[in-house]
Amino acid sequence: MMAGAIWALAGGGAAAPLPKGEGLKVIRKECTRCHPLRNIVNSDGFTAPQWRDFIVRMTDLENRPENLDAVVAYLAEHFPPYAPDD
């Protein structure tokens, strides 16, 4: 039981479902190098400039601008800032 809990915390288990769209393949390749996709799904979301700043702080994607642009565009479209219902 303890091993299962550790495995789940380490990112094991089913992949988090992400919306289909242009850039998803790059997201799966680049983002899962360091963390599970559920980190994206559980985020509060950001604007495109905020996603870009966040990604550049975490990665070296500025050295692969085509991938950086694809990741930022995908995340900004599918994971914008959280806006609670009024």
Protein backbone atom coordinates (compact mmCIF):
# COMPACT_ATOMS: atom_id res chain seq x y z
CA MET A 1 0.00 0.00 0.00
CA MET A 2 2.80 2.42 0.88
CA ALA A 3 4.55 1.67 -2.43
CA GLY A 4 1.36 2.56 -4.31
CA ALA A 5 1.10 5.90 -2.52
CA ILE A 6 4.73 6.71 -3.28
CA TRP A 7 4.25 5.68 -6.92
CA ALA A 8 1.18 7.93 -7.23
CA LEU A 9 2.98 10.89 -5.69
CA ALA A 10 5.90 10.37 -8.05
CA GLY A 11 3.62 10.82 -11.03
CA GLY A 12 2.66 7.21 -11.69
CA GLY A 13 -0.77 6.20 -12.85
CA ALA A 14 -2.92 7.22 -15.75
CA ALA A 15 -1.91 10.27 -17.73
CA ALA A 16 -3.97 13.37 -17.11
CA PRO A 17 -6.38 13.99 -19.97
CA LEU A 18 -5.47 17.07 -21.97
CA PRO A 19 -7.61 18.71 -24.64
CA LYS A 20 -6.70 17.78 -28.18
CA GLY A 21 -5.15 20.56 -30.17
CA GLU A 22 -2.13 21.80 -32.02
CA GLY A 23 0.89 21.58 -29.74
CA LEU A 24 -0.31 18.64 -27.64
CA LYS A 25 2.44 16.36 -28.96
CA VAL A 26 5.07 18.95 -27.99
CA ILE A 27 3.43 19.37 -24.56
CA ARG A 28 3.61 15.62 -23.95
CA LYS A 29 7.27 15.53 -24.99
CA GLU A 30 8.57 18.65 -23.28
CA CYS A 31 6.49 18.97 -20.11
CA THR A 32 6.71 15.36 -18.96
CA ARG A 33 10.50 15.53 -18.82
CA CYS A 34 10.13 16.95 -15.30
CA HIS A 35 6.54 16.63 -14.08
CA PRO A 36 3.28 14.78 -14.70
CA LEU A 37 0.70 16.33 -16.99
CA ARG A 38 -1.68 16.70 -14.06
CA ASN A 39 0.43 19.67 -12.95
CA ILE A 40 -0.89 21.48 -16.03
CA VAL A 41 -4.46 20.28 -15.58
CA ASN A 42 -4.44 21.35 -11.92
CA SER A 43 -2.91 24.77 -12.59
CA ASP A 44 -4.86 27.99 -12.18
CA GLY A 45 -3.85 28.88 -15.73
CA PHE A 46 -2.03 31.89 -17.12
CA THR A 47 -2.10 34.36 -19.97
CA ALA A 48 0.25 33.66 -22.90
CA PRO A 49 2.95 36.05 -21.58
CA GLN A 50 2.67 34.51 -18.12
CA TRP A 51 2.94 30.97 -19.52
CA ARG A 52 6.00 32.03 -21.55
CA ASP A 53 7.74 33.50 -18.48
CA PHE A 54 6.86 30.46 -16.38
CA ILE A 55 8.12 28.00 -19.00
CA VAL A 56 11.37 29.89 -19.61
CA ARG A 57 12.07 29.81 -15.85
CA MET A 58 11.51 26.03 -15.75
CA THR A 59 13.09 24.89 -19.01
CA ASP A 60 15.55 25.61 -21.77
CA LEU A 61 12.79 25.89 -24.39
CA GLU A 62 14.00 29.37 -25.32
CA ASN A 63 16.73 27.42 -27.17
CA ARG A 64 13.98 25.72 -29.22
CA PRO A 65 11.71 28.66 -30.08
CA GLU A 66 9.38 26.61 -32.29
CA ASN A 67 8.65 24.29 -29.35
CA LEU A 68 8.35 27.21 -26.93
CA ASP A 69 5.83 28.92 -29.21
CA ALA A 70 3.82 25.70 -29.61
CA VAL A 71 3.73 25.05 -25.86
CA VAL A 72 2.76 28.64 -25.00
CA ALA A 73 0.03 28.76 -27.66
CA TYR A 74 -1.46 25.44 -26.51
CA LEU A 75 -1.37 26.31 -22.81
CA ALA A 76 -2.74 29.82 -23.29
CA GLU A 77 -5.64 28.47 -25.35
CA HIS A 78 -6.54 25.52 -23.15
CA PHE A 79 -5.41 26.73 -19.70
CA PRO A 80 -6.14 30.46 -19.45
CA PRO A 81 -6.24 32.20 -16.07
CA TYR A 82 -8.83 30.81 -13.72
CA ALA A 83 -11.90 33.04 -13.62
CA PRO A 84 -14.38 32.08 -10.91
CA ASP A 85 -18.04 32.39 -11.79
CA ASP A 86 -19.53 35.64 -10.52
